[in-house]
N, C-alpha and C. Protein backbone atom coordinates (compact mmCIF):
# COMPACT_ATOMS: atom_id res chain seq x y z
N UNK A 1 -23.41 101.76 81.35
CA UNK A 1 -24.53 101.44 82.20
C UNK A 1 -25.44 100.46 81.45
N UNK A 2 -25.77 99.30 82.07
CA UNK A 2 -26.60 98.32 81.35
C UNK A 2 -28.05 98.78 81.28
N UNK A 3 -28.66 98.41 80.16
CA UNK A 3 -30.06 98.78 79.97
C UNK A 3 -30.96 97.75 80.66
N UNK A 4 -32.00 98.26 81.25
CA UNK A 4 -32.98 97.39 81.87
C UNK A 4 -34.04 97.01 80.85
N UNK A 5 -34.41 95.76 80.85
CA UNK A 5 -35.45 95.31 79.94
C UNK A 5 -36.80 95.79 80.44
N UNK A 6 -37.64 96.18 79.50
CA UNK A 6 -38.98 96.60 79.87
C UNK A 6 -39.82 95.36 80.15
N UNK A 7 -40.61 95.47 81.17
CA UNK A 7 -41.48 94.35 81.54
C UNK A 7 -42.74 94.43 80.70
N UNK A 8 -43.05 93.34 80.03
CA UNK A 8 -44.21 93.31 79.15
C UNK A 8 -45.42 92.77 79.92
N UNK A 9 -46.33 93.67 80.26
CA UNK A 9 -47.51 93.28 81.01
C UNK A 9 -48.52 92.54 80.15
N UNK A 10 -48.46 92.72 78.85
CA UNK A 10 -49.41 92.02 77.97
C UNK A 10 -49.13 90.51 77.97
N UNK A 11 -47.84 90.14 77.97
CA UNK A 11 -47.50 88.72 78.02
C UNK A 11 -47.93 88.11 79.35
N UNK A 12 -47.74 88.87 80.42
CA UNK A 12 -48.16 88.38 81.73
C UNK A 12 -49.67 88.23 81.79
N UNK A 13 -50.39 89.17 81.23
CA UNK A 13 -51.84 89.11 81.22
C UNK A 13 -52.34 87.90 80.43
N UNK A 14 -51.74 87.64 79.28
CA UNK A 14 -52.16 86.48 78.49
C UNK A 14 -51.81 85.18 79.20
N UNK A 15 -50.66 85.15 79.86
CA UNK A 15 -50.28 83.95 80.61
C UNK A 15 -51.25 83.70 81.76
N UNK A 16 -51.61 84.75 82.47
CA UNK A 16 -52.54 84.58 83.59
C UNK A 16 -53.92 84.15 83.12
N UNK A 17 -54.32 84.56 81.92
CA UNK A 17 -55.59 84.12 81.38
C UNK A 17 -55.55 82.65 80.99
N UNK A 18 -54.39 82.17 80.53
CA UNK A 18 -54.25 80.78 80.12
C UNK A 18 -53.94 79.85 81.29
N UNK A 19 -53.56 80.40 82.44
CA UNK A 19 -53.12 79.59 83.57
C UNK A 19 -54.18 78.60 84.06
N UNK A 20 -55.45 78.97 84.21
CA UNK A 20 -56.43 77.97 84.64
C UNK A 20 -56.57 76.80 83.66
N UNK A 21 -56.49 77.09 82.39
CA UNK A 21 -56.58 76.03 81.39
C UNK A 21 -55.37 75.09 81.48
N UNK A 22 -54.20 75.67 81.65
CA UNK A 22 -52.98 74.86 81.78
C UNK A 22 -53.05 73.98 83.02
N UNK A 23 -53.51 74.56 84.13
CA UNK A 23 -53.62 73.79 85.37
C UNK A 23 -54.68 72.70 85.26
N UNK A 24 -55.76 72.96 84.54
CA UNK A 24 -56.81 71.95 84.37
C UNK A 24 -56.33 70.80 83.49
N UNK A 25 -55.53 71.10 82.47
CA UNK A 25 -55.03 70.04 81.60
C UNK A 25 -54.04 69.13 82.33
N UNK A 26 -53.32 69.71 83.26
CA UNK A 26 -52.33 68.94 84.02
C UNK A 26 -52.77 68.86 85.48
N UNK A 27 -53.94 68.31 85.71
CA UNK A 27 -54.53 68.30 87.05
C UNK A 27 -53.68 67.49 88.02
N UNK A 28 -53.18 66.36 87.57
CA UNK A 28 -52.38 65.53 88.47
C UNK A 28 -51.08 66.23 88.86
N UNK A 29 -50.42 66.85 87.90
CA UNK A 29 -49.19 67.57 88.21
C UNK A 29 -49.47 68.78 89.11
N UNK A 30 -50.61 69.41 88.88
CA UNK A 30 -51.00 70.53 89.74
C UNK A 30 -51.21 70.04 91.17
N UNK A 31 -51.89 68.90 91.30
CA UNK A 31 -52.10 68.32 92.62
C UNK A 31 -50.77 68.00 93.29
N UNK A 32 -49.86 67.39 92.55
CA UNK A 32 -48.56 67.06 93.12
C UNK A 32 -47.80 68.32 93.55
N UNK A 33 -47.85 69.35 92.73
CA UNK A 33 -47.17 70.59 93.07
C UNK A 33 -47.74 71.23 94.32
N UNK A 34 -49.07 71.32 94.41
CA UNK A 34 -49.70 71.88 95.61
C UNK A 34 -49.45 71.02 96.84
N UNK A 35 -49.41 69.71 96.64
CA UNK A 35 -49.13 68.80 97.75
C UNK A 35 -47.71 69.01 98.27
N UNK A 36 -46.76 69.16 97.36
CA UNK A 36 -45.38 69.40 97.77
C UNK A 36 -45.24 70.76 98.48
N UNK A 37 -45.95 71.76 97.99
CA UNK A 37 -45.90 73.07 98.64
C UNK A 37 -46.45 72.96 100.06
N UNK A 38 -47.55 72.21 100.24
CA UNK A 38 -48.12 72.06 101.58
C UNK A 38 -47.19 71.27 102.49
N UNK A 39 -46.49 70.27 101.94
CA UNK A 39 -45.52 69.53 102.75
C UNK A 39 -44.36 70.41 103.19
N UNK A 40 -43.89 71.24 102.29
CA UNK A 40 -42.78 72.13 102.64
C UNK A 40 -43.22 73.13 103.72
N UNK A 41 -44.39 73.73 103.54
CA UNK A 41 -44.87 74.69 104.54
C UNK A 41 -45.13 74.01 105.88
N UNK A 42 -45.68 72.80 105.85
CA UNK A 42 -45.88 72.05 107.09
C UNK A 42 -44.56 71.71 107.77
N UNK A 43 -43.56 71.37 106.97
CA UNK A 43 -42.23 71.09 107.53
C UNK A 43 -41.62 72.32 108.17
N UNK A 44 -41.81 73.47 107.54
CA UNK A 44 -41.28 74.72 108.10
C UNK A 44 -41.95 75.03 109.43
N UNK A 45 -43.27 74.87 109.49
CA UNK A 45 -43.99 75.13 110.73
C UNK A 45 -43.55 74.15 111.81
N UNK A 46 -43.45 72.87 111.47
CA UNK A 46 -43.02 71.86 112.44
C UNK A 46 -41.62 72.15 112.94
N UNK A 47 -40.71 72.51 112.04
CA UNK A 47 -39.33 72.78 112.45
C UNK A 47 -39.26 74.01 113.35
N UNK A 48 -40.02 75.05 113.03
CA UNK A 48 -39.98 76.24 113.87
C UNK A 48 -40.55 75.94 115.25
N UNK A 49 -41.60 75.10 115.32
CA UNK A 49 -42.14 74.72 116.62
C UNK A 49 -41.13 73.88 117.39
N UNK A 50 -40.52 72.92 116.72
CA UNK A 50 -39.54 72.06 117.37
C UNK A 50 -38.36 72.87 117.89
N UNK A 51 -37.93 73.84 117.10
CA UNK A 51 -36.81 74.67 117.51
C UNK A 51 -37.18 75.54 118.70
N UNK A 52 -38.41 76.05 118.74
CA UNK A 52 -38.81 76.90 119.85
C UNK A 52 -38.96 76.09 121.13
N UNK A 53 -39.33 74.82 121.03
CA UNK A 53 -39.46 73.98 122.22
C UNK A 53 -38.08 73.57 122.72
N UNK A 54 -37.14 73.34 121.84
CA UNK A 54 -35.81 72.87 122.22
C UNK A 54 -34.95 73.94 122.87
N UNK A 55 -35.25 75.22 122.62
CA UNK A 55 -34.41 76.27 123.16
C UNK A 55 -34.51 76.27 124.68
N UNK A 56 -33.36 76.27 125.35
CA UNK A 56 -33.40 76.24 126.82
C UNK A 56 -33.93 77.56 127.39
N UNK A 57 -34.66 77.43 128.47
CA UNK A 57 -35.19 78.61 129.13
C UNK A 57 -34.16 79.06 130.16
N UNK A 58 -33.71 80.28 130.02
CA UNK A 58 -32.70 80.77 130.95
C UNK A 58 -33.37 81.16 132.26
N UNK A 59 -32.71 80.81 133.33
CA UNK A 59 -33.27 81.11 134.65
C UNK A 59 -32.41 82.16 135.34
N UNK A 60 -32.20 83.25 134.65
CA UNK A 60 -31.43 84.33 135.25
C UNK A 60 -32.31 85.10 136.21
N UNK A 61 -31.75 85.56 137.33
CA UNK A 61 -32.59 86.25 138.31
C UNK A 61 -33.14 87.58 137.80
N UNK A 62 -32.52 88.17 136.82
CA UNK A 62 -33.00 89.44 136.30
C UNK A 62 -34.31 89.31 135.54
N UNK A 63 -34.59 88.14 135.02
CA UNK A 63 -35.79 87.96 134.21
C UNK A 63 -36.95 87.36 135.01
N UNK A 64 -36.75 87.06 136.28
CA UNK A 64 -37.82 86.49 137.07
C UNK A 64 -38.90 87.53 137.31
N UNK A 65 -40.12 87.08 137.27
CA UNK A 65 -41.21 88.01 137.53
C UNK A 65 -41.39 88.13 139.04
N UNK A 66 -41.62 89.33 139.49
CA UNK A 66 -41.80 89.57 140.90
C UNK A 66 -43.29 89.53 141.23
N UNK A 67 -43.61 88.98 142.39
CA UNK A 67 -44.99 88.91 142.83
C UNK A 67 -45.38 90.25 143.42
N UNK A 68 -46.41 90.83 142.86
CA UNK A 68 -46.85 92.14 143.31
C UNK A 68 -48.07 91.94 144.20
N UNK A 69 -47.87 92.02 145.48
CA UNK A 69 -48.95 91.75 146.43
C UNK A 69 -50.01 92.84 146.38
N UNK A 70 -49.62 94.07 146.10
CA UNK A 70 -50.59 95.17 146.01
C UNK A 70 -51.60 94.89 144.90
N UNK A 71 -51.13 94.50 143.75
CA UNK A 71 -52.00 94.19 142.62
C UNK A 71 -52.87 92.98 142.94
N UNK A 72 -52.29 91.99 143.61
CA UNK A 72 -53.02 90.78 143.97
C UNK A 72 -54.17 91.12 144.91
N UNK A 73 -53.92 91.99 145.87
CA UNK A 73 -54.97 92.39 146.80
C UNK A 73 -56.10 93.13 146.08
N UNK A 74 -55.75 93.97 145.12
CA UNK A 74 -56.77 94.69 144.36
C UNK A 74 -57.63 93.72 143.55
N UNK A 75 -57.00 92.73 142.96
CA UNK A 75 -57.75 91.73 142.20
C UNK A 75 -58.67 90.94 143.12
N UNK A 76 -58.20 90.60 144.30
CA UNK A 76 -59.03 89.87 145.26
C UNK A 76 -60.25 90.70 145.67
N UNK A 77 -60.06 92.00 145.85
CA UNK A 77 -61.18 92.87 146.21
C UNK A 77 -62.22 92.90 145.10
N UNK A 78 -61.76 92.97 143.87
CA UNK A 78 -62.68 92.99 142.72
C UNK A 78 -63.46 91.68 142.66
N UNK A 79 -62.78 90.56 142.88
CA UNK A 79 -63.45 89.26 142.86
C UNK A 79 -64.47 89.15 143.97
N UNK A 80 -64.14 89.67 145.15
CA UNK A 80 -65.08 89.62 146.26
C UNK A 80 -66.33 90.46 145.96
N UNK A 81 -66.14 91.63 145.35
CA UNK A 81 -67.28 92.46 144.98
C UNK A 81 -68.18 91.75 143.98
N UNK A 82 -67.57 91.09 143.00
CA UNK A 82 -68.35 90.36 142.00
C UNK A 82 -69.10 89.20 142.64
N UNK A 83 -68.46 88.52 143.60
CA UNK A 83 -69.10 87.40 144.27
C UNK A 83 -70.27 87.87 145.12
N UNK A 84 -70.13 89.03 145.78
CA UNK A 84 -71.23 89.58 146.56
C UNK A 84 -72.42 89.91 145.67
N UNK A 85 -72.16 90.52 144.52
CA UNK A 85 -73.24 90.84 143.59
C UNK A 85 -73.92 89.57 143.09
N UNK A 86 -73.14 88.52 142.87
CA UNK A 86 -73.71 87.26 142.41
C UNK A 86 -74.58 86.64 143.50
N UNK A 87 -74.15 86.71 144.75
CA UNK A 87 -74.94 86.16 145.85
C UNK A 87 -76.23 86.96 146.05
N UNK A 88 -76.20 88.25 145.80
CA UNK A 88 -77.40 89.07 145.94
C UNK A 88 -78.47 88.63 144.94
N UNK A 89 -78.08 88.20 143.79
CA UNK A 89 -79.06 87.79 142.79
C UNK A 89 -79.73 86.47 143.16
N UNK A 90 -79.10 85.66 143.99
CA UNK A 90 -79.70 84.39 144.39
C UNK A 90 -80.91 84.61 145.27
N UNK A 91 -80.89 85.61 146.13
CA UNK A 91 -81.96 85.84 147.09
C UNK A 91 -83.03 86.78 146.58
N UNK A 92 -82.77 87.44 145.52
CA UNK A 92 -83.74 88.39 144.99
C UNK A 92 -84.86 87.63 144.29
N UNK A 93 -86.11 87.98 144.60
CA UNK A 93 -87.25 87.32 143.98
C UNK A 93 -87.81 88.23 142.90
N UNK A 94 -87.98 87.68 141.75
CA UNK A 94 -88.51 88.43 140.61
C UNK A 94 -89.98 88.07 140.43
N UNK A 95 -90.82 89.03 140.07
CA UNK A 95 -92.24 88.71 139.86
C UNK A 95 -92.43 87.85 138.62
N UNK A 96 -93.37 86.94 138.72
CA UNK A 96 -93.69 86.07 137.59
C UNK A 96 -94.59 86.83 136.63
N UNK A 97 -94.15 87.04 135.45
CA UNK A 97 -94.91 87.80 134.46
C UNK A 97 -96.02 87.01 133.82
N UNK A 98 -95.96 85.69 133.89
CA UNK A 98 -96.93 84.85 133.20
C UNK A 98 -98.11 84.46 134.09
N UNK A 99 -97.94 84.54 135.40
CA UNK A 99 -99.02 84.25 136.33
C UNK A 99 -99.35 85.52 137.10
N UNK A 100 -100.38 86.22 136.72
CA UNK A 100 -100.68 87.50 137.41
C UNK A 100 -101.26 87.31 138.79
């Protein structure tokens, strides 16, 4: 059975402490690296969008949405009630608080 190497957290800690200094000394290379990472991520997003747009939409009858007239009528009733309440506020006169 092969032995697993122990992970040395002290080396990682010292490297992470030195990392800002290393990145500051090589600012141009850091910029290039971050720029390449952003290009790759942008390419992945663009490709996934392009692929999702290119996929054909299947027009199988099983997946068609059915029009539910009962629900539509309920929504219309709610809208009519809201419109009536809105019209009631137009005719209601409020007392002027600044002119007694």
